[in-house]
Amino acid sequence: MPIELVLSPIMRPVVRAKSLLFAPHRRASRYIPHIVELDEVKSSRYAIRRRFGTGSKILDVYDTKAEGSGPNGPTEQSKSIFWFDRSRAVKGAYKMFSSDIRATGPNSEDEPCATLRAGLRSNVLLIRAPEAPVAELGWHVISHRVDALDAYRMFTLADGATYQWTTKGKFLEKVRNVGEKESEVRERIGQVISAGGTGFDLIVDESKIPREMALASAMCSYIDHWNTNLDFGGIYNARQPGHVRWKRD
């Protein structure tokens, strides 16, 4: 039984209380940052789709710009380049596997290249990312932040820069001068586009961020951040069918 089913009666009031605590900060933090738009021409595009017959337990990642691939990926599931496998005990926890790293375990089992945990305290553990600097390996804690413009999931990488996923538009932004109001610069380096109940598409400039980190952090927001009307706590207080997003500022 997923632990969220046990914790939901306790965590739902916590999530709603945190939403109320954020409200005064929203009203007191109005400003207009400088935004650099995403260059989709030089960006990669991936389709993250639920694997047929597994519900939401396994999601495959396809490179939609690869030869022979369509907008939803190739016609063969075996051509996925990554896949996410959900924990049986914890709904918001996934292991991320790579098709390039197979049978490396002691008993020739597949070992994850990353793990992630979404929730009120989200995090990503990068274990293997061949194209990323070795300094990026390890834990990346994803924090929450709100202002009058939006709600965000934020993390830092080895370059010292701050990265954030937005609620509106579902953009991945590299932020300079965080919190400096009009001096703040947000460079959009990625975006998630919903694919309904089947998953989502990720557009990302891989020259700005390792794709494993972009995929794993997007997955955290997909199952928690963008899965609720409160902007956080989606695994405890998920948006129900027919719910309309409400404006809070």
Protein backbone atom coordinates (compact mmCIF):
# COMPACT_ATOMS: atom_id res chain seq x y z
CA MET A 1 0.00 0.00 0.00
CA PRO A 2 1.46 3.41 -0.94
CA ILE A 3 2.41 5.33 2.18
CA GLU A 4 0.54 8.39 0.82
CA LEU A 5 -2.78 6.62 1.44
CA VAL A 6 -1.89 6.46 5.13
CA LEU A 7 -0.44 9.97 5.38
CA SER A 8 -3.06 11.82 3.32
CA PRO A 9 -5.46 12.58 6.24
CA ILE A 10 -2.53 14.17 8.10
CA MET A 11 -0.72 15.83 5.21
CA ARG A 12 -3.67 17.47 3.47
CA PRO A 13 -4.22 20.00 6.32
CA VAL A 14 -0.45 20.62 6.36
CA VAL A 15 -0.42 21.37 2.64
CA ARG A 16 -3.37 23.75 2.93
CA ALA A 17 -1.85 25.53 5.94
CA LYS A 18 1.39 26.07 4.03
CA SER A 19 -0.61 27.54 1.16
CA LEU A 20 -2.14 30.10 3.53
CA LEU A 21 1.29 31.00 4.93
CA PHE A 22 2.54 31.74 1.42
CA ALA A 23 -0.28 34.21 0.70
CA PRO A 24 1.16 37.34 2.47
CA HIS A 25 4.50 36.90 0.71
CA ARG A 26 2.73 36.75 -2.64
CA ARG A 27 1.08 40.13 -2.08
CA ALA A 28 4.34 41.79 -0.94
CA SER A 29 6.62 40.60 -3.74
CA ARG A 30 5.41 42.11 -6.99
CA TYR A 31 8.11 42.89 -9.55
CA ILE A 32 8.93 42.34 -13.22
CA PRO A 33 12.12 40.32 -13.84
CA HIS A 34 13.97 40.31 -17.14
CA ILE A 35 13.14 37.15 -19.12
CA VAL A 36 15.27 35.56 -21.85
CA GLU A 37 13.05 33.32 -23.97
CA LEU A 38 13.75 29.66 -24.77
CA ASP A 39 15.47 28.94 -28.09
CA GLU A 40 13.57 25.87 -29.27
CA VAL A 41 15.59 25.53 -32.47
CA LYS A 42 18.73 24.38 -30.66
CA SER A 43 16.86 22.49 -27.94
CA SER A 44 16.27 18.77 -27.62
CA ARG A 45 12.78 17.34 -27.24
CA TYR A 46 11.77 14.26 -25.28
CA ALA A 47 8.44 12.48 -24.91
CA ILE A 48 7.80 10.99 -21.47
CA ARG A 49 4.95 8.49 -21.74
CA ARG A 50 3.27 6.00 -19.45
CA ARG A 51 4.11 2.44 -20.46
CA PHE A 52 1.04 0.55 -21.59
CA GLY A 53 -0.21 -1.93 -19.01
CA THR A 54 1.66 -0.42 -16.05
CA GLY A 55 -0.64 2.48 -15.13
CA SER A 56 1.59 5.19 -13.72
CA LYS A 57 4.23 2.78 -12.43
CA ILE A 58 6.62 3.02 -15.41
CA LEU A 59 7.16 5.94 -17.76
CA ASP A 60 9.41 5.71 -20.81
CA VAL A 61 11.50 8.55 -22.23
CA TYR A 62 11.88 8.86 -26.00
CA ASP A 63 14.03 11.20 -28.05
CA THR A 64 11.51 12.65 -30.50
CA LYS A 65 14.23 14.19 -32.66
CA ALA A 66 15.96 10.85 -33.22
CA GLU A 67 15.82 9.26 -36.65
CA GLY A 68 12.58 7.41 -37.25
CA SER A 69 10.82 8.96 -34.28
CA GLY A 70 7.51 10.79 -34.33
CA PRO A 71 6.12 13.45 -31.98
CA ASN A 72 5.23 10.74 -29.45
CA GLY A 73 8.43 8.75 -29.87
CA PRO A 74 9.19 5.64 -31.95
CA THR A 75 6.72 2.82 -32.46
CA GLU A 76 8.79 0.36 -30.40
CA GLN A 77 8.97 0.65 -26.62
CA SER A 78 12.45 -0.93 -26.69
CA LYS A 79 13.80 2.29 -28.22
CA SER A 80 13.28 4.31 -25.04
CA ILE A 81 16.48 5.98 -23.86
CA PHE A 82 15.42 6.25 -20.19
CA TRP A 83 12.59 4.96 -18.07
CA PHE A 84 11.19 5.84 -14.64
CA ASP A 85 10.11 3.02 -12.32
CA ARG A 86 7.89 3.99 -9.38
CA SER A 87 8.51 2.70 -5.88
CA ARG A 88 5.89 0.24 -4.66
CA ALA A 89 5.86 1.76 -1.17
CA VAL A 90 6.08 5.48 -1.97
CA LYS A 91 4.03 7.00 -4.78
CA GLY A 92 6.28 10.04 -5.19
CA ALA A 93 9.53 8.06 -5.41
CA TYR A 94 10.97 6.87 -8.72
CA LYS A 95 14.17 5.30 -9.98
CA MET A 96 15.48 6.46 -13.34
CA PHE A 97 17.22 3.94 -15.58
CA SER A 98 19.22 4.45 -18.78
CA SER A 99 19.20 2.15 -21.80
CA ASP A 100 22.95 2.81 -22.12
CA ILE A 101 23.63 1.45 -18.63
CA ARG A 102 22.35 -2.12 -18.50
CA ALA A 103 23.14 -5.21 -16.43
CA THR A 104 25.77 -3.50 -14.27
CA GLY A 105 24.59 -4.89 -10.92
CA PRO A 106 26.18 -7.80 -9.02
CA ASN A 107 23.60 -10.18 -10.48
CA SER A 108 23.50 -8.47 -13.88
CA GLU A 109 20.46 -6.43 -12.90
CA ASP A 110 19.91 -2.89 -14.14
CA GLU A 111 21.06 -0.14 -11.78
CA PRO A 112 19.51 3.35 -11.71
CA CYS A 113 21.28 6.41 -13.06
CA ALA A 114 19.21 8.61 -10.74
CA THR A 115 16.53 8.48 -8.07
CA LEU A 116 13.97 11.10 -7.17
CA ARG A 117 11.46 11.81 -4.44
CA ALA A 118 8.66 14.33 -4.94
CA GLY A 119 6.70 15.91 -2.12
CA LEU A 120 6.94 18.71 0.41
CA ARG A 121 10.69 18.06 0.40
CA SER A 122 11.63 16.93 -3.09
CA ASN A 123 15.10 15.79 -4.08
CA VAL A 124 17.04 14.21 -6.92
CA LEU A 125 20.06 11.93 -6.51
CA LEU A 126 22.20 11.82 -9.65
CA ILE A 127 24.20 8.59 -9.63
CA ARG A 128 25.41 8.29 -13.21
CA ALA A 129 25.23 10.96 -15.87
CA PRO A 130 27.92 10.28 -18.50
CA GLU A 131 27.53 13.64 -20.24
CA ALA A 132 27.39 15.72 -17.05
CA PRO A 133 30.33 17.04 -15.00
CA VAL A 134 31.26 14.69 -12.18
CA ALA A 135 30.61 17.56 -9.76
CA GLU A 136 26.88 17.24 -10.52
CA LEU A 137 26.68 13.72 -9.09
CA GLY A 138 25.02 13.55 -5.70
CA TRP A 139 22.00 15.02 -3.95
CA HIS A 140 20.04 17.99 -5.25
CA VAL A 141 17.37 19.29 -2.89
CA ILE A 142 14.41 20.97 -4.59
CA SER A 143 12.91 23.76 -2.50
CA HIS A 144 9.66 25.74 -2.78
CA ARG A 145 9.38 29.47 -3.42
CA VAL A 146 6.48 31.78 -4.20
CA ASP A 147 6.10 35.41 -5.18
CA ALA A 148 3.35 37.55 -6.65
CA LEU A 149 4.12 36.20 -10.11
CA ASP A 150 4.14 32.45 -9.60
CA ALA A 151 5.13 29.42 -7.51
CA TYR A 152 8.42 27.63 -8.15
CA ARG A 153 10.52 24.52 -7.53
CA MET A 154 14.15 25.60 -7.13
CA PHE A 155 17.52 23.83 -7.02
CA THR A 156 21.18 24.65 -7.57
CA LEU A 157 23.86 22.89 -9.60
CA ALA A 158 27.64 22.77 -9.40
CA ASP A 159 27.98 25.98 -11.41
CA GLY A 160 26.40 27.83 -8.48
CA ALA A 161 23.42 28.99 -10.52
CA THR A 162 19.83 28.68 -9.36
CA TYR A 163 17.34 26.80 -11.51
CA GLN A 164 13.58 26.82 -11.13
CA TRP A 165 10.49 25.21 -12.58
CA THR A 166 7.58 27.61 -12.85
CA THR A 167 3.90 26.83 -12.41
CA LYS A 168 2.65 29.13 -15.16
CA GLY A 169 3.92 27.93 -18.50
CA LYS A 170 5.91 25.09 -16.87
CA PHE A 171 9.24 26.69 -17.80
CA LEU A 172 12.68 25.66 -16.56
CA GLU A 173 14.60 28.87 -15.87
CA LYS A 174 18.22 29.58 -15.02
CA VAL A 175 18.05 32.53 -12.64
CA ARG A 176 20.64 35.20 -11.92
CA ASN A 177 20.28 37.74 -9.11
CA VAL A 178 17.57 35.71 -7.40
CA GLY A 179 15.22 37.89 -5.38
CA GLU A 180 16.75 41.16 -6.61
CA LYS A 181 13.43 42.15 -8.16
CA GLU A 182 13.94 44.14 -11.39
CA SER A 183 17.61 43.04 -11.49
CA GLU A 184 16.59 39.39 -11.59
CA VAL A 185 17.26 37.68 -14.93
CA ARG A 186 15.44 34.49 -15.86
CA GLU A 187 16.83 32.58 -18.82
CA ARG A 188 14.35 29.97 -20.00
CA ILE A 189 16.23 26.79 -20.87
CA GLY A 190 13.40 24.28 -20.89
CA GLN A 191 9.66 23.77 -20.91
CA VAL A 192 7.21 20.98 -20.20
CA ILE A 193 4.13 20.52 -22.37
CA SER A 194 1.38 18.29 -21.03
CA ALA A 195 0.32 15.27 -23.06
CA GLY A 196 -2.90 14.72 -21.15
CA GLY A 197 -3.10 11.54 -19.13
CA THR A 198 -0.31 9.85 -21.07
CA GLY A 199 2.61 11.93 -19.78
CA PHE A 200 4.40 15.05 -20.98
CA ASP A 201 6.94 16.45 -23.44
CA LEU A 202 10.17 18.10 -22.34
CA ILE A 203 11.96 20.71 -24.44
CA VAL A 204 15.41 21.47 -23.03
CA ASP A 205 18.64 23.18 -24.04
CA GLU A 206 21.19 20.54 -23.04
CA SER A 207 24.06 23.02 -23.29
CA LYS A 208 22.63 24.70 -20.17
CA ILE A 209 21.77 21.70 -17.95
CA PRO A 210 22.43 17.93 -17.93
CA ARG A 211 19.46 16.16 -19.48
CA GLU A 212 19.26 13.67 -16.60
CA MET A 213 18.76 16.53 -14.14
CA ALA A 214 16.24 18.23 -16.41
CA LEU A 215 14.25 15.01 -16.79
CA ALA A 216 14.34 14.07 -13.10
CA SER A 217 13.42 17.54 -11.84
CA ALA A 218 10.62 17.80 -14.41
CA MET A 219 9.30 14.46 -13.20
CA CYS A 220 9.20 15.79 -9.61
CA SER A 221 7.09 18.74 -10.70
CA TYR A 222 4.89 16.57 -12.91
CA ILE A 223 3.78 14.28 -10.09
CA ASP A 224 3.62 16.91 -7.34
CA HIS A 225 4.03 20.56 -8.34
CA TRP A 226 1.65 20.57 -11.33
CA ASN A 227 -0.68 17.90 -9.96
CA THR A 228 -2.61 20.09 -7.52
CA ASN A 229 -4.46 23.39 -7.28
CA LEU A 230 -2.20 24.42 -4.37
CA ASP A 231 1.08 24.34 -6.39
CA PHE A 232 2.62 21.83 -3.97
CA GLY A 233 1.62 18.68 -2.13
CA GLY A 234 0.15 17.03 -5.21
CA ILE A 235 0.87 13.51 -4.00
CA TYR A 236 -1.27 14.22 -0.93
CA ASN A 237 -3.85 16.64 -2.33
CA ALA A 238 -4.02 15.92 -6.05
CA ARG A 239 -6.25 17.80 -8.47
CA GLN A 240 -9.36 15.76 -9.12
CA PRO A 241 -11.04 15.30 -12.52
CA GLY A 242 -13.15 18.36 -13.25
CA HIS A 243 -11.20 20.68 -10.94
CA VAL A 244 -10.53 24.13 -12.34
CA ARG A 245 -7.30 25.86 -11.40
CA TRP A 246 -8.03 28.85 -9.16
CA LYS A 247 -6.15 32.13 -8.96
CA ARG A 248 -4.57 32.93 -5.60
CA ASP A 249 -3.04 36.40 -6.03
